[in-house]
N, C-alpha and C. Protein backbone atom coordinates (compact mmCIF):
# COMPACT_ATOMS: atom_id res chain seq x y z
N MET A 1 -20.63 -44.22 20.96
CA MET A 1 -20.34 -42.89 20.51
C MET A 1 -18.93 -42.78 19.96
N GLY A 2 -18.07 -43.73 20.22
CA GLY A 2 -16.68 -43.71 19.78
C GLY A 2 -16.53 -43.70 18.28
N PRO A 3 -17.18 -44.65 17.56
CA PRO A 3 -17.01 -44.67 16.11
C PRO A 3 -17.60 -43.41 15.43
N VAL A 4 -18.67 -42.87 15.99
CA VAL A 4 -19.26 -41.67 15.40
C VAL A 4 -18.31 -40.49 15.55
N ARG A 5 -17.76 -40.33 16.75
CA ARG A 5 -16.81 -39.24 16.99
C ARG A 5 -15.58 -39.40 16.10
N ARG A 6 -15.08 -40.62 16.01
CA ARG A 6 -13.91 -40.87 15.17
C ARG A 6 -14.23 -40.56 13.71
N GLY A 7 -15.43 -40.89 13.25
CA GLY A 7 -15.85 -40.58 11.88
C GLY A 7 -15.95 -39.08 11.65
N LEU A 8 -16.46 -38.35 12.66
CA LEU A 8 -16.57 -36.90 12.52
C LEU A 8 -15.18 -36.25 12.47
N ILE A 9 -14.28 -36.73 13.30
CA ILE A 9 -12.92 -36.19 13.31
C ILE A 9 -12.23 -36.48 11.97
N THR A 10 -12.39 -37.67 11.48
CA THR A 10 -11.79 -38.03 10.19
C THR A 10 -12.37 -37.18 9.06
N ALA A 11 -13.68 -36.99 9.09
CA ALA A 11 -14.31 -36.17 8.05
C ALA A 11 -13.84 -34.72 8.14
N ALA A 12 -13.71 -34.20 9.35
CA ALA A 12 -13.26 -32.81 9.52
C ALA A 12 -11.83 -32.65 9.02
N LEU A 13 -10.97 -33.61 9.29
CA LEU A 13 -9.59 -33.51 8.82
C LEU A 13 -9.49 -33.70 7.31
N THR A 14 -10.36 -34.53 6.78
CA THR A 14 -10.34 -34.76 5.33
C THR A 14 -10.85 -33.53 4.57
N LEU A 15 -11.85 -32.88 5.11
CA LEU A 15 -12.44 -31.73 4.44
C LEU A 15 -11.83 -30.41 4.88
N ALA A 16 -10.73 -30.44 5.58
CA ALA A 16 -10.08 -29.21 6.04
C ALA A 16 -9.64 -28.38 4.84
N PRO A 17 -9.64 -27.05 4.98
CA PRO A 17 -9.32 -26.19 3.84
C PRO A 17 -7.83 -26.13 3.50
N GLY A 18 -6.99 -26.87 4.17
CA GLY A 18 -5.56 -26.79 3.92
C GLY A 18 -5.17 -27.11 2.49
N THR A 19 -5.71 -28.18 1.95
CA THR A 19 -5.35 -28.54 0.58
C THR A 19 -5.95 -27.57 -0.42
N ALA A 20 -7.14 -27.08 -0.15
CA ALA A 20 -7.74 -26.11 -1.07
C ALA A 20 -6.95 -24.81 -1.06
N LEU A 21 -6.49 -24.39 0.13
CA LEU A 21 -5.71 -23.16 0.21
C LEU A 21 -4.36 -23.34 -0.47
N ALA A 22 -3.78 -24.51 -0.34
CA ALA A 22 -2.50 -24.77 -0.99
C ALA A 22 -2.68 -24.76 -2.51
N ASP A 23 -3.79 -25.30 -2.98
CA ASP A 23 -4.06 -25.28 -4.41
C ASP A 23 -4.27 -23.86 -4.91
N ALA A 24 -4.94 -23.03 -4.11
CA ALA A 24 -5.17 -21.63 -4.50
C ALA A 24 -3.84 -20.90 -4.63
N CYS A 25 -2.93 -21.11 -3.71
CA CYS A 25 -1.63 -20.46 -3.79
C CYS A 25 -0.79 -21.03 -4.92
N GLY A 26 -0.94 -22.30 -5.20
CA GLY A 26 -0.22 -22.89 -6.31
C GLY A 26 -0.66 -22.32 -7.65
N ILE A 27 -1.92 -21.94 -7.75
CA ILE A 27 -2.43 -21.35 -8.98
C ILE A 27 -2.16 -19.85 -9.03
N GLU A 28 -2.46 -19.15 -7.93
CA GLU A 28 -2.32 -17.68 -7.90
C GLU A 28 -0.85 -17.24 -7.90
N ARG A 29 -0.04 -17.85 -7.06
CA ARG A 29 1.38 -17.49 -6.94
C ARG A 29 2.22 -18.76 -6.92
N PRO A 30 2.57 -19.27 -8.08
CA PRO A 30 3.29 -20.55 -8.15
C PRO A 30 4.64 -20.55 -7.42
N GLY A 31 5.34 -19.44 -7.36
CA GLY A 31 6.65 -19.41 -6.73
C GLY A 31 6.62 -18.98 -5.28
N TRP A 32 5.47 -19.03 -4.63
CA TRP A 32 5.32 -18.55 -3.26
C TRP A 32 6.11 -19.44 -2.32
N ASP A 33 6.87 -18.80 -1.39
CA ASP A 33 7.75 -19.55 -0.50
C ASP A 33 7.14 -19.88 0.85
N GLY A 34 5.90 -19.53 1.08
CA GLY A 34 5.24 -19.87 2.34
C GLY A 34 5.20 -18.74 3.35
N VAL A 35 5.95 -17.68 3.12
CA VAL A 35 5.94 -16.52 4.02
C VAL A 35 4.72 -15.67 3.68
N PRO A 36 3.91 -15.27 4.67
CA PRO A 36 2.72 -14.46 4.38
C PRO A 36 3.10 -13.15 3.69
N VAL A 37 2.35 -12.80 2.67
CA VAL A 37 2.60 -11.59 1.89
C VAL A 37 1.96 -10.41 2.60
N THR A 38 2.73 -9.32 2.74
CA THR A 38 2.21 -8.09 3.34
C THR A 38 1.65 -7.19 2.25
N MET A 39 1.04 -6.08 2.66
CA MET A 39 0.54 -5.12 1.68
C MET A 39 1.68 -4.52 0.87
N TRP A 40 2.85 -4.32 1.52
CA TRP A 40 4.02 -3.80 0.81
C TRP A 40 4.49 -4.79 -0.24
N GLY A 41 4.52 -6.06 0.11
CA GLY A 41 4.92 -7.09 -0.84
C GLY A 41 3.95 -7.19 -2.01
N GLU A 42 2.67 -7.07 -1.70
CA GLU A 42 1.65 -7.13 -2.76
C GLU A 42 1.80 -5.92 -3.69
N ALA A 43 2.03 -4.74 -3.12
CA ALA A 43 2.21 -3.54 -3.94
C ALA A 43 3.45 -3.68 -4.83
N LEU A 44 4.52 -4.21 -4.26
CA LEU A 44 5.75 -4.41 -5.04
C LEU A 44 5.51 -5.41 -6.17
N THR A 45 4.79 -6.46 -5.89
CA THR A 45 4.46 -7.45 -6.92
C THR A 45 3.62 -6.83 -8.03
N LEU A 46 2.64 -6.02 -7.65
CA LEU A 46 1.78 -5.40 -8.66
C LEU A 46 2.54 -4.35 -9.47
N PHE A 47 3.43 -3.59 -8.81
CA PHE A 47 4.20 -2.58 -9.53
C PHE A 47 5.26 -3.21 -10.44
N SER A 48 5.63 -4.45 -10.19
CA SER A 48 6.63 -5.10 -11.03
C SER A 48 6.01 -5.87 -12.20
N SER A 49 4.70 -5.78 -12.35
CA SER A 49 4.07 -6.42 -13.51
C SER A 49 4.42 -5.63 -14.77
N PRO A 50 4.42 -6.28 -15.93
CA PRO A 50 4.78 -5.58 -17.17
C PRO A 50 3.90 -4.36 -17.47
N ALA A 51 2.61 -4.47 -17.20
CA ALA A 51 1.70 -3.35 -17.47
C ALA A 51 2.03 -2.15 -16.57
N ALA A 52 2.29 -2.42 -15.29
CA ALA A 52 2.62 -1.33 -14.37
C ALA A 52 3.97 -0.70 -14.71
N LEU A 53 4.94 -1.51 -15.10
CA LEU A 53 6.24 -0.97 -15.48
C LEU A 53 6.12 -0.08 -16.72
N ALA A 54 5.31 -0.50 -17.68
CA ALA A 54 5.09 0.32 -18.88
C ALA A 54 4.40 1.63 -18.51
N LEU A 55 3.43 1.56 -17.61
CA LEU A 55 2.74 2.78 -17.19
C LEU A 55 3.64 3.69 -16.36
N LEU A 56 4.55 3.12 -15.57
CA LEU A 56 5.52 3.95 -14.85
C LEU A 56 6.42 4.69 -15.83
N ALA A 57 6.85 4.01 -16.88
CA ALA A 57 7.68 4.66 -17.90
C ALA A 57 6.88 5.74 -18.62
N ALA A 58 5.64 5.46 -18.96
CA ALA A 58 4.79 6.45 -19.63
C ALA A 58 4.52 7.65 -18.72
N SER A 59 4.38 7.39 -17.42
CA SER A 59 4.19 8.48 -16.47
C SER A 59 5.42 9.38 -16.42
N ALA A 60 6.59 8.77 -16.41
CA ALA A 60 7.83 9.54 -16.39
C ALA A 60 7.97 10.39 -17.65
N ILE A 61 7.62 9.83 -18.79
CA ILE A 61 7.71 10.57 -20.05
C ILE A 61 6.72 11.73 -20.05
N ALA A 62 5.49 11.50 -19.59
CA ALA A 62 4.49 12.57 -19.55
C ALA A 62 4.93 13.70 -18.62
N VAL A 63 5.55 13.35 -17.49
CA VAL A 63 6.01 14.37 -16.55
C VAL A 63 7.20 15.13 -17.13
N LEU A 64 8.14 14.43 -17.71
CA LEU A 64 9.32 15.09 -18.27
C LEU A 64 8.96 16.01 -19.43
N MET A 65 7.96 15.63 -20.21
CA MET A 65 7.54 16.46 -21.33
C MET A 65 6.51 17.51 -20.92
N ARG A 66 6.06 17.45 -19.67
CA ARG A 66 5.01 18.34 -19.16
C ARG A 66 3.78 18.33 -20.06
N SER A 67 3.40 17.16 -20.48
CA SER A 67 2.25 16.99 -21.37
C SER A 67 1.00 16.69 -20.55
N ALA A 68 0.08 17.65 -20.51
CA ALA A 68 -1.16 17.45 -19.76
C ALA A 68 -2.01 16.36 -20.39
N TRP A 69 -2.06 16.34 -21.73
CA TRP A 69 -2.83 15.30 -22.41
C TRP A 69 -2.20 13.93 -22.20
N GLY A 70 -0.89 13.87 -22.24
CA GLY A 70 -0.21 12.60 -21.98
C GLY A 70 -0.47 12.11 -20.57
N ALA A 71 -0.43 13.03 -19.61
CA ALA A 71 -0.71 12.66 -18.22
C ALA A 71 -2.15 12.18 -18.06
N LEU A 72 -3.06 12.82 -18.77
CA LEU A 72 -4.47 12.40 -18.71
C LEU A 72 -4.64 10.99 -19.26
N ILE A 73 -4.01 10.73 -20.40
CA ILE A 73 -4.12 9.40 -21.01
C ILE A 73 -3.49 8.34 -20.10
N VAL A 74 -2.34 8.65 -19.52
CA VAL A 74 -1.68 7.69 -18.63
C VAL A 74 -2.53 7.46 -17.37
N CYS A 75 -3.17 8.52 -16.86
CA CYS A 75 -4.04 8.35 -15.69
C CYS A 75 -5.24 7.46 -16.00
N VAL A 76 -5.79 7.60 -17.18
CA VAL A 76 -6.90 6.73 -17.58
C VAL A 76 -6.42 5.28 -17.66
N LEU A 77 -5.23 5.07 -18.22
CA LEU A 77 -4.69 3.71 -18.29
C LEU A 77 -4.38 3.15 -16.91
N TRP A 78 -3.86 4.00 -16.01
CA TRP A 78 -3.66 3.57 -14.62
C TRP A 78 -4.99 3.16 -14.00
N SER A 79 -6.04 3.93 -14.29
CA SER A 79 -7.36 3.61 -13.73
C SER A 79 -7.86 2.26 -14.23
N VAL A 80 -7.61 1.97 -15.50
CA VAL A 80 -8.01 0.68 -16.05
C VAL A 80 -7.25 -0.45 -15.36
N LEU A 81 -5.94 -0.26 -15.19
CA LEU A 81 -5.14 -1.30 -14.52
C LEU A 81 -5.61 -1.49 -13.08
N THR A 82 -5.89 -0.40 -12.40
CA THR A 82 -6.36 -0.50 -11.01
C THR A 82 -7.70 -1.21 -10.93
N MET A 83 -8.58 -0.93 -11.89
CA MET A 83 -9.87 -1.61 -11.91
C MET A 83 -9.69 -3.10 -12.13
N ILE A 84 -8.77 -3.46 -13.02
CA ILE A 84 -8.51 -4.87 -13.27
C ILE A 84 -7.96 -5.55 -12.02
N VAL A 85 -7.03 -4.88 -11.35
CA VAL A 85 -6.43 -5.45 -10.13
C VAL A 85 -7.49 -5.61 -9.04
N ALA A 86 -8.35 -4.61 -8.89
CA ALA A 86 -9.32 -4.63 -7.80
C ALA A 86 -10.53 -5.51 -8.08
N ALA A 87 -10.98 -5.56 -9.32
CA ALA A 87 -12.25 -6.22 -9.60
C ALA A 87 -12.11 -7.58 -10.27
N ALA A 88 -11.16 -7.73 -11.16
CA ALA A 88 -11.07 -8.98 -11.92
C ALA A 88 -10.49 -10.10 -11.06
N ASP A 89 -11.14 -11.21 -11.09
CA ASP A 89 -10.65 -12.41 -10.39
C ASP A 89 -10.91 -13.60 -11.32
N PRO A 90 -10.06 -13.75 -12.35
CA PRO A 90 -10.35 -14.78 -13.36
C PRO A 90 -10.35 -16.20 -12.83
N THR A 91 -9.55 -16.47 -11.81
CA THR A 91 -9.50 -17.84 -11.29
C THR A 91 -10.55 -18.08 -10.22
N GLY A 92 -11.06 -17.02 -9.61
CA GLY A 92 -12.04 -17.16 -8.54
C GLY A 92 -11.42 -17.61 -7.23
N LEU A 93 -10.10 -17.50 -7.12
CA LEU A 93 -9.40 -17.99 -5.93
C LEU A 93 -8.79 -16.87 -5.08
N ARG A 94 -9.14 -15.61 -5.36
CA ARG A 94 -8.52 -14.51 -4.63
C ARG A 94 -8.78 -14.60 -3.12
N ALA A 95 -10.00 -14.89 -2.73
CA ALA A 95 -10.33 -14.96 -1.30
C ALA A 95 -9.56 -16.09 -0.62
N GLU A 96 -9.47 -17.23 -1.28
CA GLU A 96 -8.74 -18.36 -0.71
C GLU A 96 -7.25 -18.05 -0.62
N ALA A 97 -6.70 -17.38 -1.63
CA ALA A 97 -5.28 -17.03 -1.62
C ALA A 97 -4.98 -16.01 -0.52
N MET A 98 -5.90 -15.07 -0.30
CA MET A 98 -5.71 -14.10 0.79
C MET A 98 -5.80 -14.79 2.15
N ALA A 99 -6.70 -15.75 2.26
CA ALA A 99 -6.82 -16.48 3.52
C ALA A 99 -5.57 -17.31 3.80
N ALA A 100 -4.96 -17.85 2.75
CA ALA A 100 -3.76 -18.66 2.92
C ALA A 100 -2.52 -17.81 3.16
N GLY A 101 -2.57 -16.54 2.76
CA GLY A 101 -1.44 -15.64 2.99
C GLY A 101 -0.53 -15.43 1.80
N CYS A 102 -0.86 -16.00 0.65
CA CYS A 102 0.01 -15.79 -0.52
C CYS A 102 -0.39 -14.55 -1.31
N ARG A 103 -1.46 -13.90 -0.94
CA ARG A 103 -1.86 -12.62 -1.52
C ARG A 103 -2.28 -11.72 -0.39
N ALA A 104 -2.21 -10.41 -0.65
CA ALA A 104 -2.65 -9.43 0.34
C ALA A 104 -3.55 -8.42 -0.35
N SER A 105 -4.07 -7.50 0.41
CA SER A 105 -4.94 -6.47 -0.14
C SER A 105 -4.17 -5.55 -1.07
N PRO A 106 -4.75 -5.19 -2.22
CA PRO A 106 -4.06 -4.27 -3.13
C PRO A 106 -4.27 -2.80 -2.79
N ALA A 107 -4.72 -2.49 -1.58
CA ALA A 107 -5.05 -1.12 -1.19
C ALA A 107 -3.85 -0.19 -1.29
N LEU A 108 -2.69 -0.63 -0.87
CA LEU A 108 -1.50 0.22 -0.93
C LEU A 108 -1.13 0.53 -2.38
N PHE A 109 -1.25 -0.43 -3.26
CA PHE A 109 -1.01 -0.21 -4.69
C PHE A 109 -1.98 0.82 -5.23
N ILE A 110 -3.24 0.72 -4.89
CA ILE A 110 -4.26 1.65 -5.38
C ILE A 110 -3.99 3.05 -4.86
N ILE A 111 -3.60 3.18 -3.59
CA ILE A 111 -3.28 4.50 -3.03
C ILE A 111 -2.07 5.09 -3.73
N ALA A 112 -1.05 4.29 -3.98
CA ALA A 112 0.15 4.79 -4.66
C ALA A 112 -0.17 5.23 -6.09
N VAL A 113 -1.01 4.49 -6.78
CA VAL A 113 -1.41 4.86 -8.14
C VAL A 113 -2.19 6.18 -8.12
N ALA A 114 -3.07 6.34 -7.14
CA ALA A 114 -3.82 7.60 -7.03
C ALA A 114 -2.88 8.77 -6.77
N ALA A 115 -1.86 8.56 -5.95
CA ALA A 115 -0.89 9.62 -5.67
C ALA A 115 -0.07 9.95 -6.92
N ILE A 116 0.32 8.95 -7.67
CA ILE A 116 1.07 9.18 -8.91
C ILE A 116 0.23 9.98 -9.90
N CYS A 117 -1.02 9.58 -10.07
CA CYS A 117 -1.89 10.28 -11.01
C CYS A 117 -2.16 11.71 -10.57
N GLY A 118 -2.42 11.91 -9.29
CA GLY A 118 -2.65 13.26 -8.79
C GLY A 118 -1.43 14.15 -8.97
N ALA A 119 -0.26 13.61 -8.68
CA ALA A 119 0.98 14.39 -8.84
C ALA A 119 1.23 14.70 -10.32
N MET A 120 0.95 13.75 -11.19
CA MET A 120 1.14 14.01 -12.63
C MET A 120 0.22 15.12 -13.12
N ILE A 121 -1.04 15.06 -12.73
CA ILE A 121 -2.00 16.07 -13.17
C ILE A 121 -1.60 17.44 -12.63
N LEU A 122 -1.23 17.51 -11.36
CA LEU A 122 -0.83 18.80 -10.78
C LEU A 122 0.44 19.33 -11.45
N HIS A 123 1.39 18.47 -11.69
CA HIS A 123 2.66 18.91 -12.26
C HIS A 123 2.51 19.38 -13.71
N THR A 124 1.72 18.66 -14.48
CA THR A 124 1.62 19.01 -15.89
C THR A 124 0.63 20.15 -16.14
N SER A 125 -0.24 20.44 -15.21
CA SER A 125 -1.22 21.51 -15.43
C SER A 125 -0.69 22.87 -14.98
N ARG A 126 0.43 22.93 -14.28
CA ARG A 126 1.00 24.21 -13.86
C ARG A 126 1.59 24.95 -15.05
N LYS A 127 1.45 26.23 -15.01
CA LYS A 127 2.09 27.07 -16.03
C LYS A 127 3.53 27.30 -15.60
N SER A 128 4.45 27.12 -16.51
CA SER A 128 5.85 27.35 -16.16
C SER A 128 6.13 28.84 -16.14
N LYS A 129 6.94 29.26 -15.18
CA LYS A 129 7.29 30.68 -15.06
C LYS A 129 8.33 31.03 -16.11
N ALA A 130 8.09 32.11 -16.78
CA ALA A 130 9.06 32.56 -17.78
C ALA A 130 10.22 33.26 -17.07
N VAL A 131 11.41 32.84 -17.39
CA VAL A 131 12.59 33.44 -16.79
C VAL A 131 12.94 34.68 -17.59
N GLY A 132 12.93 35.84 -16.92
CA GLY A 132 13.12 37.08 -17.67
C GLY A 132 14.33 37.73 -17.29
């Protein structure tokens, strides 16, 4: 039974998911330092993407101009970005990257985007009081 057990142990160590998980993190987050990513870190990473930064700027412009149509358009674009973040997995490695700790759930990002869109719609749809 010794050689069989030794063969099973060797096979288990050879087929361990460690290398696959490391490859997933190398593809998904090349600069990952090995510290597990929290939901806050994932939200910060998603908000620092070029698309999110452009939408944050567009949101600020729509709010400053009190443009209801602008806020609506920006909310639709936020929805598209959120759908891409939540649904698209071009590499097919999201689950492995989450298991390894180099990615986290985007739930906090999605909640923050919903709050931004709700606040924009409420702010731009209010009638301004005329100062008399």
